Amino acid sequence: MSRDTVNTICAALPGAELSDPFGGGHDAWKVGGKMFACIGSQNTGVSVKTDSIETAQMLMDAGIGVKAPYFHRSWIHLPLEADPEELRHRILVSYDIVRSGLTKKLQASLPARRS
């Protein structure tokens, strides 16, 4: 999967916004001002949020990804060469986790996500 494909998946999500908060060419995707996916300037992969440190560790143990540098331990870094369906699934799960943590009012202002 390419950076462009990851950005296309993220851009299609309701309320998703692209920013570069760190400078230097990072693609940070946010919903409601909270990040759910980030591609670093080195273009090695995409970092996404999981529901827990344990889930992130399980994914690392399974060889799906590695610890996301500079992020909390509940985040995982998936290489762009990973299975495209796994990447897509992890991006969508991350989005859903972050979106569910938004205020009820903000959640209600966003259109429903289509599968």
C-alpha atoms as a PDB file:
ATOM      1  CA  MET A   1       0.000   0.000   0.000  1.00  0.00           C
ATOM      2  CA  SER A   2       1.257   3.480  -0.686  1.00  0.00           C
ATOM      3  CA  ARG A   3       1.102   6.723   1.249  1.00  0.00           C
ATOM      4  CA  ASP A   4      -1.449   7.960  -1.289  1.00  0.00           C
ATOM      5  CA  THR A   5      -3.676   4.930  -0.682  1.00  0.00           C
ATOM      6  CA  VAL A   6      -3.525   5.385   3.094  1.00  0.00           C
ATOM      7  CA  ASN A   7      -4.385   9.065   2.632  1.00  0.00           C
ATOM      8  CA  THR A   8      -7.299   8.136   0.360  1.00  0.00           C
ATOM      9  CA  ILE A   9      -8.703   5.749   2.991  1.00  0.00           C
ATOM     10  CA  CYS A  10      -8.347   8.367   5.731  1.00  0.00           C
ATOM     11  CA  ALA A  11      -9.767  11.204   3.621  1.00  0.00           C
ATOM     12  CA  ALA A  12     -12.961   9.214   2.996  1.00  0.00           C
ATOM     13  CA  LEU A  13     -13.780   9.007   6.706  1.00  0.00           C
ATOM     14  CA  PRO A  14     -16.414  11.463   8.021  1.00  0.00           C
ATOM     15  CA  GLY A  15     -14.838  14.510   9.627  1.00  0.00           C
ATOM     16  CA  ALA A  16     -11.271  13.398   8.901  1.00  0.00           C
ATOM     17  CA  GLU A  17      -8.793  16.242   8.494  1.00  0.00           C
ATOM     18  CA  LEU A  18      -5.179  16.175   7.348  1.00  0.00           C
ATOM     19  CA  SER A  19      -2.519  18.219   9.116  1.00  0.00           C
ATOM     20  CA  ASP A  20       1.258  18.343   9.571  1.00  0.00           C
ATOM     21  CA  PRO A  21       1.572  19.300  13.257  1.00  0.00           C
ATOM     22  CA  PHE A  22       5.204  18.227  13.525  1.00  0.00           C
ATOM     23  CA  GLY A  23       6.426  19.835  10.304  1.00  0.00           C
ATOM     24  CA  GLY A  24       8.689  18.122   7.833  1.00  0.00           C
ATOM     25  CA  GLY A  25       6.093  16.254   5.805  1.00  0.00           C
ATOM     26  CA  HIS A  26       4.106  14.173   8.282  1.00  0.00           C
ATOM     27  CA  ASP A  27       0.561  13.255   7.320  1.00  0.00           C
ATOM     28  CA  ALA A  28      -1.421  13.322  10.563  1.00  0.00           C
ATOM     29  CA  TRP A  29      -5.084  12.402  10.221  1.00  0.00           C
ATOM     30  CA  LYS A  30      -7.468  13.673  12.870  1.00  0.00           C
ATOM     31  CA  VAL A  31     -11.150  13.532  13.676  1.00  0.00           C
ATOM     32  CA  GLY A  32     -12.512  16.115  16.088  1.00  0.00           C
ATOM     33  CA  GLY A  33      -8.966  17.393  16.578  1.00  0.00           C
ATOM     34  CA  LYS A  34      -7.714  13.978  17.804  1.00  0.00           C
ATOM     35  CA  MET A  35      -5.198  11.964  15.779  1.00  0.00           C
ATOM     36  CA  PHE A  36      -6.141   8.495  14.523  1.00  0.00           C
ATOM     37  CA  ALA A  37      -3.415   7.857  11.916  1.00  0.00           C
ATOM     38  CA  CYS A  38      -0.005   9.281  11.115  1.00  0.00           C
ATOM     39  CA  ILE A  39       2.482   8.671   8.325  1.00  0.00           C
ATOM     40  CA  GLY A  40       5.938   9.948   9.132  1.00  0.00           C
ATOM     41  CA  SER A  41       8.197  11.861   6.787  1.00  0.00           C
ATOM     42  CA  GLN A  42      10.319   8.724   6.283  1.00  0.00           C
ATOM     43  CA  ASN A  43       7.305   7.036   4.623  1.00  0.00           C
ATOM     44  CA  THR A  44       7.937   3.678   6.347  1.00  0.00           C
ATOM     45  CA  GLY A  45       4.367   3.006   7.376  1.00  0.00           C
ATOM     46  CA  VAL A  46       1.330   4.270   9.213  1.00  0.00           C
ATOM     47  CA  SER A  47       0.904   4.547  12.983  1.00  0.00           C
ATOM     48  CA  VAL A  48      -2.571   3.851  14.346  1.00  0.00           C
ATOM     49  CA  LYS A  49      -4.257   3.662  17.737  1.00  0.00           C
ATOM     50  CA  THR A  50      -5.417   0.371  19.225  1.00  0.00           C
ATOM     51  CA  ASP A  51      -7.887  -0.082  22.047  1.00  0.00           C
ATOM     52  CA  SER A  52      -5.190  -0.991  24.577  1.00  0.00           C
ATOM     53  CA  ILE A  53      -1.527  -1.606  25.283  1.00  0.00           C
ATOM     54  CA  GLU A  54      -2.339  -5.328  25.326  1.00  0.00           C
ATOM     55  CA  THR A  55      -3.830  -5.254  21.833  1.00  0.00           C
ATOM     56  CA  ALA A  56      -0.836  -3.335  20.512  1.00  0.00           C
ATOM     57  CA  GLN A  57       1.497  -5.892  22.107  1.00  0.00           C
ATOM     58  CA  MET A  58      -0.496  -8.778  20.646  1.00  0.00           C
ATOM     59  CA  LEU A  59      -0.214  -7.243  17.164  1.00  0.00           C
ATOM     60  CA  MET A  60       3.533  -6.751  17.639  1.00  0.00           C
ATOM     61  CA  ASP A  61       3.935 -10.338  18.883  1.00  0.00           C
ATOM     62  CA  ALA A  62       2.045 -11.545  15.788  1.00  0.00           C
ATOM     63  CA  GLY A  63       4.482  -9.628  13.582  1.00  0.00           C
ATOM     64  CA  ILE A  64       1.844  -7.298  12.185  1.00  0.00           C
ATOM     65  CA  GLY A  65       3.681  -4.157  13.253  1.00  0.00           C
ATOM     66  CA  VAL A  66       6.113  -2.594  15.687  1.00  0.00           C
ATOM     67  CA  LYS A  67       5.843  -0.031  18.477  1.00  0.00           C
ATOM     68  CA  ALA A  68       4.966   3.323  17.001  1.00  0.00           C
ATOM     69  CA  PRO A  69       7.882   5.673  17.687  1.00  0.00           C
ATOM     70  CA  TYR A  70       6.992   8.779  19.728  1.00  0.00           C
ATOM     71  CA  PHE A  71       3.450   7.508  20.447  1.00  0.00           C
ATOM     72  CA  HIS A  72       1.800   5.955  23.483  1.00  0.00           C
ATOM     73  CA  ARG A  73       2.223   2.197  23.845  1.00  0.00           C
ATOM     74  CA  SER A  74      -1.349   1.639  22.651  1.00  0.00           C
ATOM     75  CA  TRP A  75      -0.255   2.756  19.166  1.00  0.00           C
ATOM     76  CA  ILE A  76       1.312   0.460  16.579  1.00  0.00           C
ATOM     77  CA  HIS A  77       3.321   1.219  13.449  1.00  0.00           C
ATOM     78  CA  LEU A  78       2.309  -0.863  10.433  1.00  0.00           C
ATOM     79  CA  PRO A  79       4.673  -1.057   7.456  1.00  0.00           C
ATOM     80  CA  LEU A  80       3.209   0.051   4.132  1.00  0.00           C
ATOM     81  CA  GLU A  81       4.130  -3.416   2.806  1.00  0.00           C
ATOM     82  CA  ALA A  82       1.698  -5.056   5.268  1.00  0.00           C
ATOM     83  CA  ASP A  83      -1.397  -6.813   4.006  1.00  0.00           C
ATOM     84  CA  PRO A  84      -3.615  -4.076   2.483  1.00  0.00           C
ATOM     85  CA  GLU A  85      -6.757  -5.416   4.178  1.00  0.00           C
ATOM     86  CA  GLU A  86      -4.989  -5.431   7.559  1.00  0.00           C
ATOM     87  CA  LEU A  87      -3.845  -1.837   7.035  1.00  0.00           C
ATOM     88  CA  ARG A  88      -7.327  -0.730   6.021  1.00  0.00           C
ATOM     89  CA  HIS A  89      -8.891  -2.555   8.979  1.00  0.00           C
ATOM     90  CA  ARG A  90      -6.442  -1.049  11.484  1.00  0.00           C
ATOM     91  CA  ILE A  91      -6.993   2.482  10.126  1.00  0.00           C
ATOM     92  CA  LEU A  92     -10.779   2.072  10.428  1.00  0.00           C
ATOM     93  CA  VAL A  93     -10.519   0.620  13.952  1.00  0.00           C
ATOM     94  CA  SER A  94      -8.257   3.490  15.007  1.00  0.00           C
ATOM     95  CA  TYR A  95     -10.700   6.024  13.565  1.00  0.00           C
ATOM     96  CA  ASP A  96     -13.613   4.370  15.395  1.00  0.00           C
ATOM     97  CA  ILE A  97     -11.702   4.324  18.704  1.00  0.00           C
ATOM     98  CA  VAL A  98     -10.804   8.003  18.463  1.00  0.00           C
ATOM     99  CA  ARG A  99     -14.251   9.024  17.240  1.00  0.00           C
ATOM    100  CA  SER A 100     -15.945   7.162  20.101  1.00  0.00           C
ATOM    101  CA  GLY A 101     -13.846   9.192  22.551  1.00  0.00           C
ATOM    102  CA  LEU A 102     -15.160  12.512  21.260  1.00  0.00           C
ATOM    103  CA  THR A 103     -17.916  14.378  23.053  1.00  0.00           C
ATOM    104  CA  LYS A 104     -21.424  13.133  22.289  1.00  0.00           C
ATOM    105  CA  LYS A 105     -22.232  16.475  20.701  1.00  0.00           C
ATOM    106  CA  LEU A 106     -19.225  16.291  18.364  1.00  0.00           C
ATOM    107  CA  GLN A 107     -19.950  12.647  17.531  1.00  0.00           C
ATOM    108  CA  ALA A 108     -23.546  13.560  16.662  1.00  0.00           C
ATOM    109  CA  SER A 109     -22.364  16.319  14.313  1.00  0.00           C
ATOM    110  CA  LEU A 110     -20.412  13.826  12.185  1.00  0.00           C
ATOM    111  CA  PRO A 111     -22.059  11.716   9.491  1.00  0.00           C
ATOM    112  CA  ALA A 112     -22.173   7.967  10.092  1.00  0.00           C
ATOM    113  CA  ARG A 113     -19.203   5.991   8.800  1.00  0.00           C
ATOM    114  CA  ARG A 114     -20.004   3.625   5.973  1.00  0.00           C
ATOM    115  CA  SER A 115     -18.304   0.249   6.176  1.00  0.00           C
END
